[in-house]
Amino acid sequence: MKKIIFIIIVIILLFMINDLVRSMWDIWQKKDVVSEAQSQLDFQKQENQRLKSALAYSKTPEFIEKQARDKLFMAKQGEQKILISQESQSSQNLQGQENEPNWKKWWNLFF
């Protein structure tokens, strides 16, 4: 009778140990999930801060003036607009390079 009670107690203890080990394993895995979520949260907070600062900068008069000048080709009163075509810029670059010696052209090409 004592052997049967001892065997039953051992079996119950084995089940309890098995459940305990499984619970510990689950907690260990969830710890990794929590740390990954925390790092993702930190990244999103930094991104949010960057976007807020970009939004604040986009509302400044300097940004608005820069965008108006660069993208809309607007000018202030009293200023004159000068448009330079891409062809004339490239021809000026080629003319400047034609006067250079060959060794300097090669040097500029590689360095």
C-alpha atoms as a PDB file:
ATOM      1  CA  MET A   1       0.000   0.000   0.000  1.00  0.00           C
ATOM      2  CA  LYS A   2       2.830   2.336   0.829  1.00  0.00           C
ATOM      3  CA  LYS A   3       4.441   1.629  -2.542  1.00  0.00           C
ATOM      4  CA  ILE A   4       1.246   2.548  -4.385  1.00  0.00           C
ATOM      5  CA  ILE A   5       0.921   5.825  -2.453  1.00  0.00           C
ATOM      6  CA  PHE A   6       4.591   6.595  -3.088  1.00  0.00           C
ATOM      7  CA  ILE A   7       4.209   5.913  -6.851  1.00  0.00           C
ATOM      8  CA  ILE A   8       1.063   8.103  -7.014  1.00  0.00           C
ATOM      9  CA  ILE A   9       2.874  10.926  -5.209  1.00  0.00           C
ATOM     10  CA  VAL A  10       5.864  10.623  -7.576  1.00  0.00           C
ATOM     11  CA  ILE A  11       3.593  10.700 -10.641  1.00  0.00           C
ATOM     12  CA  ILE A  12       1.762  13.763  -9.290  1.00  0.00           C
ATOM     13  CA  LEU A  13       5.079  15.466  -8.587  1.00  0.00           C
ATOM     14  CA  LEU A  14       6.339  14.653 -12.103  1.00  0.00           C
ATOM     15  CA  PHE A  15       3.215  16.245 -13.591  1.00  0.00           C
ATOM     16  CA  MET A  16       3.700  19.295 -11.399  1.00  0.00           C
ATOM     17  CA  ILE A  17       7.381  19.572 -12.400  1.00  0.00           C
ATOM     18  CA  ASN A  18       6.423  19.195 -16.062  1.00  0.00           C
ATOM     19  CA  ASP A  19       3.849  21.994 -15.766  1.00  0.00           C
ATOM     20  CA  LEU A  20       6.325  24.175 -13.892  1.00  0.00           C
ATOM     21  CA  VAL A  21       9.024  23.694 -16.542  1.00  0.00           C
ATOM     22  CA  ARG A  22       6.521  24.414 -19.325  1.00  0.00           C
ATOM     23  CA  SER A  23       5.379  27.586 -17.539  1.00  0.00           C
ATOM     24  CA  MET A  24       8.964  28.724 -17.100  1.00  0.00           C
ATOM     25  CA  TRP A  25       9.641  28.117 -20.808  1.00  0.00           C
ATOM     26  CA  ASP A  26       6.566  30.146 -21.802  1.00  0.00           C
ATOM     27  CA  ILE A  27       7.612  33.011 -19.544  1.00  0.00           C
ATOM     28  CA  TRP A  28      11.128  32.932 -21.010  1.00  0.00           C
ATOM     29  CA  GLN A  29       9.752  33.194 -24.546  1.00  0.00           C
ATOM     30  CA  LYS A  30       7.348  35.979 -23.602  1.00  0.00           C
ATOM     31  CA  LYS A  31      10.232  37.927 -22.101  1.00  0.00           C
ATOM     32  CA  ASP A  32      11.832  38.020 -25.558  1.00  0.00           C
ATOM     33  CA  VAL A  33       8.560  39.232 -27.067  1.00  0.00           C
ATOM     34  CA  VAL A  34       8.290  42.003 -24.481  1.00  0.00           C
ATOM     35  CA  SER A  35      11.872  43.170 -25.049  1.00  0.00           C
ATOM     36  CA  GLU A  36      11.319  43.190 -28.825  1.00  0.00           C
ATOM     37  CA  ALA A  37       8.106  45.185 -28.403  1.00  0.00           C
ATOM     38  CA  GLN A  38       9.945  47.637 -26.133  1.00  0.00           C
ATOM     39  CA  SER A  39      12.669  48.203 -28.714  1.00  0.00           C
ATOM     40  CA  GLN A  40      10.019  48.689 -31.420  1.00  0.00           C
ATOM     41  CA  LEU A  41       8.246  51.196 -29.164  1.00  0.00           C
ATOM     42  CA  ASP A  42      11.488  53.118 -28.621  1.00  0.00           C
ATOM     43  CA  PHE A  43      12.085  53.230 -32.377  1.00  0.00           C
ATOM     44  CA  GLN A  44       8.544  54.466 -33.021  1.00  0.00           C
ATOM     45  CA  LYS A  45       8.945  57.170 -30.348  1.00  0.00           C
ATOM     46  CA  GLN A  46      12.134  58.396 -32.016  1.00  0.00           C
ATOM     47  CA  GLU A  47      10.441  58.369 -35.419  1.00  0.00           C
ATOM     48  CA  ASN A  48       7.480  60.275 -33.972  1.00  0.00           C
ATOM     49  CA  GLN A  49       9.825  62.880 -32.496  1.00  0.00           C
ATOM     50  CA  ARG A  50      11.637  63.233 -35.825  1.00  0.00           C
ATOM     51  CA  LEU A  51       8.350  63.693 -37.672  1.00  0.00           C
ATOM     52  CA  LYS A  52       7.144  66.267 -35.134  1.00  0.00           C
ATOM     53  CA  SER A  53      10.329  68.290 -35.578  1.00  0.00           C
ATOM     54  CA  ALA A  54       9.993  68.035 -39.370  1.00  0.00           C
ATOM     55  CA  LEU A  55       6.408  69.255 -39.105  1.00  0.00           C
ATOM     56  CA  ALA A  56       7.459  72.156 -36.891  1.00  0.00           C
ATOM     57  CA  TYR A  57      10.201  73.076 -39.373  1.00  0.00           C
ATOM     58  CA  SER A  58       7.783  72.875 -42.301  1.00  0.00           C
ATOM     59  CA  LYS A  59       5.620  75.531 -40.649  1.00  0.00           C
ATOM     60  CA  THR A  60       8.477  78.041 -40.391  1.00  0.00           C
ATOM     61  CA  PRO A  61       8.687  80.959 -42.844  1.00  0.00           C
ATOM     62  CA  GLU A  62      12.198  79.904 -43.918  1.00  0.00           C
ATOM     63  CA  PHE A  63      10.952  76.509 -45.084  1.00  0.00           C
ATOM     64  CA  ILE A  64       7.981  78.022 -46.908  1.00  0.00           C
ATOM     65  CA  GLU A  65      10.230  80.549 -48.662  1.00  0.00           C
ATOM     66  CA  LYS A  66      12.742  77.841 -49.634  1.00  0.00           C
ATOM     67  CA  GLN A  67      10.014  75.633 -51.078  1.00  0.00           C
ATOM     68  CA  ALA A  68       8.471  78.555 -52.965  1.00  0.00           C
ATOM     69  CA  ARG A  69      11.829  79.465 -54.463  1.00  0.00           C
ATOM     70  CA  ASP A  70      13.038  75.942 -55.269  1.00  0.00           C
ATOM     71  CA  LYS A  71       9.907  74.120 -56.356  1.00  0.00           C
ATOM     72  CA  LEU A  72       7.561  76.868 -57.505  1.00  0.00           C
ATOM     73  CA  PHE A  73      10.258  79.127 -58.995  1.00  0.00           C
ATOM     74  CA  MET A  74       8.844  82.160 -57.209  1.00  0.00           C
ATOM     75  CA  ALA A  75      10.833  85.310 -56.409  1.00  0.00           C
ATOM     76  CA  LYS A  76      10.462  88.230 -54.048  1.00  0.00           C
ATOM     77  CA  GLN A  77       9.432  91.625 -55.303  1.00  0.00           C
ATOM     78  CA  GLY A  78      12.333  93.399 -56.943  1.00  0.00           C
ATOM     79  CA  GLU A  79      14.155  90.145 -57.730  1.00  0.00           C
ATOM     80  CA  GLN A  80      14.551  88.884 -61.256  1.00  0.00           C
ATOM     81  CA  LYS A  81      14.118  85.280 -62.276  1.00  0.00           C
ATOM     82  CA  ILE A  82      16.917  83.694 -64.278  1.00  0.00           C
ATOM     83  CA  LEU A  83      16.410  80.255 -65.766  1.00  0.00           C
ATOM     84  CA  ILE A  84      19.450  78.340 -66.964  1.00  0.00           C
ATOM     85  CA  SER A  85      18.795  75.404 -69.227  1.00  0.00           C
ATOM     86  CA  GLN A  86      20.456  72.075 -68.611  1.00  0.00           C
ATOM     87  CA  GLU A  87      22.058  72.149 -72.063  1.00  0.00           C
ATOM     88  CA  SER A  88      23.949  75.364 -71.404  1.00  0.00           C
ATOM     89  CA  GLN A  89      25.176  74.057 -68.050  1.00  0.00           C
ATOM     90  CA  SER A  90      26.453  70.844 -69.588  1.00  0.00           C
ATOM     91  CA  SER A  91      28.107  72.716 -72.469  1.00  0.00           C
ATOM     92  CA  GLN A  92      29.847  75.001 -69.978  1.00  0.00           C
ATOM     93  CA  ASN A  93      31.106  71.954 -68.080  1.00  0.00           C
ATOM     94  CA  LEU A  94      32.398  70.385 -71.291  1.00  0.00           C
ATOM     95  CA  GLN A  95      34.098  73.606 -72.361  1.00  0.00           C
ATOM     96  CA  GLY A  96      35.787  73.847 -68.995  1.00  0.00           C
ATOM     97  CA  GLN A  97      37.008  70.280 -69.327  1.00  0.00           C
ATOM     98  CA  GLU A  98      38.304  70.755 -72.867  1.00  0.00           C
ATOM     99  CA  ASN A  99      40.858  73.254 -71.639  1.00  0.00           C
ATOM    100  CA  GLU A 100      42.241  70.831 -69.053  1.00  0.00           C
ATOM    101  CA  PRO A 101      45.135  68.508 -69.875  1.00  0.00           C
ATOM    102  CA  ASN A 102      44.366  64.817 -70.281  1.00  0.00           C
ATOM    103  CA  TRP A 103      46.091  63.737 -67.090  1.00  0.00           C
ATOM    104  CA  LYS A 104      43.838  66.110 -65.125  1.00  0.00           C
ATOM    105  CA  LYS A 105      40.718  64.736 -66.840  1.00  0.00           C
ATOM    106  CA  TRP A 106      41.763  61.216 -65.865  1.00  0.00           C
ATOM    107  CA  TRP A 107      42.546  62.356 -62.332  1.00  0.00           C
ATOM    108  CA  ASN A 108      39.078  63.932 -62.018  1.00  0.00           C
ATOM    109  CA  LEU A 109      37.479  60.802 -63.447  1.00  0.00           C
ATOM    110  CA  PHE A 110      39.032  58.474 -60.884  1.00  0.00           C
ATOM    111  CA  PHE A 111      39.386  60.764 -57.888  1.00  0.00           C
END
